[in-house]
Amino acid sequence: MANKPVNTILNCIPDLDLHDSQSSSHEFNLSDLCPDKLAAWGAEHSADLNYRVELARRIALTYDDADQIILFDDISLTNPEWEGLGSLGIRGLDRTLLPALWLSAGFRRGGRILAYSPPNSVEMSNYLELKKLIEVYLQRSIHIEVLYEDSTGHLLNLIELFEKSTENYTNVCEAFARQFSRQYYPKYYLNLFQRHIDSIIQDSKQSFVFPYQMSQFHQEELQPYSDRLKMPDMPTNDKAKHNLFLQTKGFDALPKLFVASSNGILIDNYEQYIDTLKHFDLVHSENTPHNREVHISCFL
């Protein structure tokens, strides 16, 4: 039962050929494609592992040729307060482990994941099996560390520990389970990073820090280390902009989105949307009877 997920992968997608067109990325070098052509390829072959690794490589190049990526799952910093209760049961690495497999492959020194809790032995075993499959497919190794601070304040490399002794690894998991007093709090990852930053980035000239979602708080807290750290821009939650932009890159199967400007005109393309933002008029966006009537009528 322990290997069932990995066996499913092996049976369904031998050699990780996820799609008939997957292997076509071997016919040319993705690194030769310009950004627009790479985006077009990604729109058609988003599951292509070669594409994802090339995308990670370009992320590294964009941020001063960063040689390692550091991931942590501080979702509570970006969740609205009313969503807090719903995220309490989500451990602090569930969303970063799998993306780290292909993201780390694009950085010369690989990736490091900061963990609040250790994966159990079955999860770790399956994760390493999947890592081996990807390494065989890429024909090279991927350096990944899952770093966890134990109750004594020591930073442990969980993958190295698991590979050396599954018994000792199980003891670490059991020790964590007994720590009823250990509470997770929104600033946990940043505090962990700051406590151990010298050892985490000691062998790196430039590290790309990739939290669950970049925020102003991250920027402020990590500013003292900006000579060694690179961080992504803060994201925008403009769903209209995201949807229309993706349409320009060939994503045709997106949910239909109706976008209305403040003067009641329907917008159906990215260029029109950007032009509308440049001429945005606050008067038309005020909550007045006239403006409400304009917006209602544009959808009738």
Protein backbone atom coordinates (compact mmCIF):
# COMPACT_ATOMS: atom_id res chain seq x y z
CA MET A 1 0.00 0.00 0.00
CA ALA A 2 2.85 2.38 0.79
CA ASN A 3 4.00 2.53 -2.82
CA LYS A 4 0.56 2.64 -4.42
CA PRO A 5 0.76 6.32 -5.58
CA VAL A 6 4.17 5.73 -7.15
CA ASN A 7 3.04 2.50 -8.81
CA THR A 8 0.07 4.37 -10.26
CA ILE A 9 2.43 6.89 -11.83
CA LEU A 10 4.62 4.14 -13.25
CA ASN A 11 1.65 2.26 -14.72
CA CYS A 12 -0.13 5.27 -16.18
CA ILE A 13 2.74 7.41 -17.41
CA PRO A 14 5.79 5.25 -18.24
CA ASP A 15 8.95 7.36 -18.53
CA LEU A 16 6.82 10.36 -17.53
CA ASP A 17 5.46 10.75 -21.07
CA LEU A 18 2.29 12.47 -19.93
CA HIS A 19 0.97 13.18 -23.40
CA ASP A 20 1.67 12.06 -26.96
CA SER A 21 3.17 15.47 -27.67
CA GLN A 22 5.27 15.41 -24.51
CA SER A 23 8.30 13.86 -26.16
CA SER A 24 8.27 16.46 -28.93
CA SER A 25 10.11 18.87 -26.62
CA HIS A 26 13.15 16.62 -27.12
CA GLU A 27 13.19 17.52 -30.81
CA PHE A 28 14.48 21.03 -30.16
CA ASN A 29 16.04 23.05 -27.37
CA LEU A 30 13.45 24.96 -25.35
CA SER A 31 16.17 27.34 -24.20
CA ASP A 32 16.39 28.62 -27.79
CA LEU A 33 12.79 29.87 -27.75
CA CYS A 34 12.06 33.55 -27.19
CA PRO A 35 9.73 34.36 -24.24
CA ASP A 36 6.61 34.61 -26.43
CA LYS A 37 7.29 31.30 -28.16
CA LEU A 38 8.03 29.59 -24.86
CA ALA A 39 4.73 30.92 -23.49
CA ALA A 40 2.93 29.60 -26.55
CA TRP A 41 4.57 26.20 -26.08
CA GLY A 42 3.58 26.19 -22.41
CA ALA A 43 -0.03 26.95 -23.29
CA GLU A 44 -0.17 23.77 -25.37
CA HIS A 45 2.16 21.59 -23.26
CA SER A 46 1.78 22.83 -19.68
CA ALA A 47 2.46 19.33 -18.28
CA ASP A 48 5.70 18.95 -20.24
CA LEU A 49 8.39 18.51 -17.60
CA ASN A 50 11.06 19.92 -19.91
CA TYR A 51 8.98 23.09 -20.26
CA ARG A 52 8.57 23.44 -16.52
CA VAL A 53 12.27 23.00 -15.89
CA GLU A 54 13.08 25.56 -18.58
CA LEU A 55 10.59 27.95 -16.98
CA ALA A 56 12.33 27.51 -13.62
CA ARG A 57 15.71 28.12 -15.29
CA ARG A 58 14.44 31.41 -16.71
CA ILE A 59 13.10 32.43 -13.32
CA ALA A 60 16.61 31.92 -11.95
CA LEU A 61 18.14 33.99 -14.77
CA THR A 62 15.59 36.78 -14.30
CA TYR A 63 16.59 37.20 -10.66
CA ASP A 64 20.31 37.88 -11.16
CA ASP A 65 21.05 34.28 -12.09
CA ALA A 66 20.05 33.02 -8.64
CA ASP A 67 21.67 29.66 -7.93
CA GLN A 68 19.13 28.23 -5.46
CA ILE A 69 15.44 28.56 -4.66
CA ILE A 70 14.06 28.65 -1.10
CA LEU A 71 10.39 27.73 -0.70
CA PHE A 72 8.11 27.98 2.31
CA ASP A 73 4.39 27.63 2.75
CA ASP A 74 3.34 30.58 4.91
CA ILE A 75 -0.24 30.59 3.70
CA SER A 76 -1.53 32.18 6.90
CA LEU A 77 0.28 35.45 6.10
CA THR A 78 -1.77 35.90 2.94
CA ASN A 79 -5.11 34.38 3.97
CA PRO A 80 -7.86 36.75 5.05
CA GLU A 81 -8.67 36.41 8.75
CA TRP A 82 -12.02 34.81 8.01
CA GLU A 83 -10.21 31.97 6.20
CA GLY A 84 -7.83 31.33 9.08
CA LEU A 85 -9.82 28.55 10.71
CA GLY A 86 -10.03 26.63 7.46
CA SER A 87 -6.24 26.52 7.06
CA LEU A 88 -5.34 25.33 10.54
CA GLY A 89 -5.33 21.71 9.45
CA ILE A 90 -2.99 22.33 6.51
CA ARG A 91 0.60 21.56 7.41
CA GLY A 92 3.34 23.87 6.34
CA LEU A 93 4.77 22.08 3.32
CA ASP A 94 1.93 20.29 1.55
CA ARG A 95 1.79 22.75 -1.34
CA THR A 96 5.56 23.19 -1.82
CA LEU A 97 6.91 19.63 -1.94
CA LEU A 98 5.71 18.73 -5.44
CA PRO A 99 6.35 22.10 -7.16
CA ALA A 100 9.84 22.02 -5.66
CA LEU A 101 10.68 18.98 -7.77
CA TRP A 102 10.62 20.88 -11.06
CA LEU A 103 11.42 24.33 -9.70
CA SER A 104 14.63 23.08 -8.07
CA ALA A 105 15.69 21.49 -11.35
CA GLY A 106 16.02 24.97 -12.90
CA PHE A 107 18.50 26.27 -10.30
CA ARG A 108 22.16 25.25 -10.31
CA ARG A 109 22.25 24.51 -6.59
CA GLY A 110 18.71 23.18 -6.49
CA GLY A 111 16.13 24.03 -3.86
CA ARG A 112 15.54 24.12 -0.12
CA ILE A 113 12.12 23.77 1.47
CA LEU A 114 11.48 25.15 4.95
CA ALA A 115 9.13 22.84 6.81
CA TYR A 116 7.01 23.35 9.91
CA SER A 117 6.39 19.61 10.26
CA PRO A 118 8.12 16.54 8.82
CA PRO A 119 6.30 14.40 6.23
CA ASN A 120 5.54 10.96 7.63
CA SER A 121 7.71 8.07 6.48
CA VAL A 122 5.28 6.90 3.78
CA GLU A 123 5.01 10.41 2.32
CA MET A 124 8.77 10.84 2.31
CA SER A 125 9.33 7.44 0.68
CA ASN A 126 6.84 8.18 -2.11
CA TYR A 127 8.27 11.66 -2.59
CA LEU A 128 11.78 10.32 -3.09
CA GLU A 129 10.51 7.67 -5.51
CA LEU A 130 8.90 10.38 -7.61
CA LYS A 131 12.09 12.43 -7.40
CA LYS A 132 14.04 9.45 -8.80
CA LEU A 133 11.57 9.11 -11.69
CA ILE A 134 12.04 12.74 -12.64
CA GLU A 135 15.82 12.47 -12.35
CA VAL A 136 15.80 9.45 -14.67
CA TYR A 137 13.65 11.39 -17.14
CA LEU A 138 15.94 14.44 -17.01
CA GLN A 139 19.06 12.25 -16.90
CA ARG A 140 20.55 14.26 -14.06
CA SER A 141 20.16 14.64 -10.33
CA ILE A 142 18.07 17.32 -8.58
CA HIS A 143 19.36 18.73 -5.31
CA ILE A 144 16.53 19.25 -2.83
CA GLU A 145 16.65 19.70 0.93
CA VAL A 146 13.65 19.69 3.27
CA LEU A 147 14.81 21.65 6.33
CA TYR A 148 13.06 21.23 9.68
CA GLU A 149 13.87 22.74 13.08
CA ASP A 150 13.57 20.21 15.90
CA SER A 151 12.66 20.93 19.53
CA THR A 152 16.31 21.67 20.39
CA GLY A 153 16.58 24.37 17.72
CA HIS A 154 18.73 22.31 15.33
CA LEU A 155 18.00 22.51 11.62
CA LEU A 156 17.68 19.00 10.17
CA ASN A 157 17.93 17.97 6.52
CA LEU A 158 15.01 15.54 6.49
CA ILE A 159 15.83 13.85 3.17
CA GLU A 160 19.40 13.14 4.27
CA LEU A 161 18.14 11.87 7.63
CA PHE A 162 15.56 9.58 6.01
CA GLU A 163 18.10 8.11 3.59
CA LYS A 164 20.57 7.41 6.39
CA SER A 165 18.15 5.90 8.90
CA THR A 166 14.40 5.45 8.56
CA GLU A 167 14.30 4.60 12.28
CA ASN A 168 15.83 7.92 13.30
CA TYR A 169 13.53 9.69 10.87
CA THR A 170 10.48 8.03 12.42
CA ASN A 171 11.69 9.17 15.84
CA VAL A 172 11.75 12.77 14.58
CA CYS A 173 8.17 12.43 13.29
CA GLU A 174 7.00 10.94 16.60
CA ALA A 175 8.77 13.68 18.56
CA PHE A 176 6.94 16.30 16.51
CA ALA A 177 3.60 14.57 17.14
CA ARG A 178 4.23 14.76 20.90
CA GLN A 179 4.86 18.51 20.83
CA PHE A 180 1.35 19.57 21.78
CA SER A 181 2.62 22.95 22.95
CA ARG A 182 4.29 23.81 19.64
CA GLN A 183 2.00 26.31 17.98
CA TYR A 184 2.11 27.44 14.40
CA TYR A 185 1.84 31.22 13.93
CA PRO A 186 1.84 33.44 10.80
CA LYS A 187 5.44 34.61 11.15
CA TYR A 188 6.83 31.13 11.81
CA TYR A 189 8.61 30.66 8.48
CA LEU A 190 10.20 34.08 8.42
CA ASN A 191 11.39 33.65 12.00
CA LEU A 192 12.77 30.20 11.12
CA PHE A 193 14.50 31.62 8.05
CA GLN A 194 16.01 34.50 10.02
CA ARG A 195 17.26 32.19 12.79
CA HIS A 196 19.10 29.93 10.34
CA ILE A 197 19.71 32.21 7.36
CA ASP A 198 23.50 31.90 7.46
CA SER A 199 23.41 28.12 7.14
CA ILE A 200 20.56 28.15 4.59
CA ILE A 201 22.30 30.50 2.14
CA GLN A 202 25.96 30.01 3.12
CA ASP A 203 26.89 28.25 -0.14
CA SER A 204 24.80 30.49 -2.39
CA LYS A 205 25.71 33.78 -4.05
CA GLN A 206 22.08 34.67 -4.82
CA SER A 207 19.04 32.85 -3.45
CA PHE A 208 15.54 33.28 -4.86
CA VAL A 209 13.03 33.30 -1.99
CA PHE A 210 9.64 31.94 -2.99
CA PRO A 211 7.04 32.06 -0.20
CA TYR A 212 3.49 30.83 -0.74
CA GLN A 213 2.62 34.38 -1.77
CA MET A 214 4.86 37.41 -1.68
CA SER A 215 3.71 40.24 0.58
CA GLN A 216 4.94 43.60 1.80
CA PHE A 217 5.67 41.98 5.16
CA HIS A 218 8.11 39.57 3.48
CA GLN A 219 9.85 42.43 1.72
CA GLU A 220 10.22 44.45 4.91
CA GLU A 221 11.47 41.54 7.02
CA LEU A 222 13.95 40.28 4.43
CA GLN A 223 15.24 43.69 3.29
CA PRO A 224 18.37 43.46 5.52
CA TYR A 225 19.47 40.44 3.45
CA SER A 226 18.72 41.93 0.04
CA ASP A 227 22.38 41.68 -0.99
CA ARG A 228 22.03 37.88 -0.98
CA LEU A 229 18.31 37.36 -1.55
CA LYS A 230 16.05 37.95 -4.53
CA MET A 231 12.28 38.07 -4.13
CA PRO A 232 9.36 38.05 -6.58
CA ASP A 233 7.14 41.07 -6.98
CA MET A 234 3.96 41.23 -4.96
CA PRO A 235 1.17 39.60 -6.99
CA THR A 236 -1.94 41.34 -8.19
CA ASN A 237 -5.34 39.84 -7.51
CA ASP A 238 -6.83 41.40 -10.64
CA LYS A 239 -8.71 38.38 -12.03
CA ALA A 240 -9.83 40.26 -15.13
CA LYS A 241 -6.23 41.12 -16.04
CA HIS A 242 -5.08 37.53 -15.42
CA ASN A 243 -7.88 36.03 -17.52
CA LEU A 244 -7.47 38.36 -20.50
CA PHE A 245 -3.68 38.10 -20.43
CA LEU A 246 -3.78 34.29 -20.46
CA GLN A 247 -6.13 34.43 -23.42
CA THR A 248 -3.46 36.32 -25.36
CA LYS A 249 -1.04 33.47 -24.63
CA GLY A 250 -3.28 30.81 -26.11
CA PHE A 251 -5.22 29.60 -23.07
CA ASP A 252 -8.57 29.21 -24.82
CA ALA A 253 -10.26 26.85 -22.32
CA LEU A 254 -10.55 29.46 -19.56
CA PRO A 255 -13.90 30.11 -17.84
CA LYS A 256 -15.86 32.85 -19.55
CA LEU A 257 -15.31 36.15 -17.79
CA PHE A 258 -17.40 39.28 -18.35
CA VAL A 259 -15.38 42.43 -17.79
CA ALA A 260 -17.10 45.82 -17.62
CA SER A 261 -15.36 49.17 -17.46
CA SER A 262 -16.51 51.89 -15.08
CA ASN A 263 -18.41 53.61 -17.90
CA GLY A 264 -20.39 50.46 -18.70
CA ILE A 265 -18.48 49.22 -21.76
CA LEU A 266 -17.84 45.49 -21.99
CA ILE A 267 -14.17 44.56 -22.48
CA ASP A 268 -13.20 41.37 -24.29
CA ASN A 269 -9.45 41.67 -24.92
CA TYR A 270 -6.29 42.41 -22.96
CA GLU A 271 -5.19 45.47 -24.94
CA GLN A 272 -8.56 47.16 -24.43
CA TYR A 273 -8.41 46.39 -20.72
CA ILE A 274 -4.93 47.92 -20.29
CA ASP A 275 -5.99 51.00 -22.25
CA THR A 276 -9.08 51.36 -20.04
CA LEU A 277 -6.94 51.24 -16.90
CA LYS A 278 -4.77 54.06 -18.24
CA HIS A 279 -7.85 56.28 -18.54
CA PHE A 280 -9.55 55.13 -15.35
CA ASP A 281 -12.03 57.69 -14.00
CA LEU A 282 -12.90 57.47 -10.30
CA VAL A 283 -16.14 59.37 -10.88
CA HIS A 284 -17.55 56.47 -12.91
CA SER A 285 -16.68 53.97 -10.17
CA GLU A 286 -18.52 55.72 -7.34
CA ASN A 287 -21.45 53.88 -5.82
CA THR A 288 -24.22 56.08 -7.19
CA PRO A 289 -27.65 55.22 -8.64
CA HIS A 290 -26.54 56.37 -12.10
CA ASN A 291 -23.38 54.22 -12.11
CA ARG A 292 -25.29 51.18 -10.84
CA GLU A 293 -27.82 51.63 -13.64
CA VAL A 294 -25.03 51.88 -16.22
CA HIS A 295 -23.43 48.60 -15.09
CA ILE A 296 -26.71 46.72 -14.86
CA SER A 297 -27.75 47.81 -18.33
CA CYS A 298 -24.45 46.67 -19.89
CA PHE A 299 -25.17 43.07 -18.88
CA LEU A 300 -28.79 43.05 -20.08
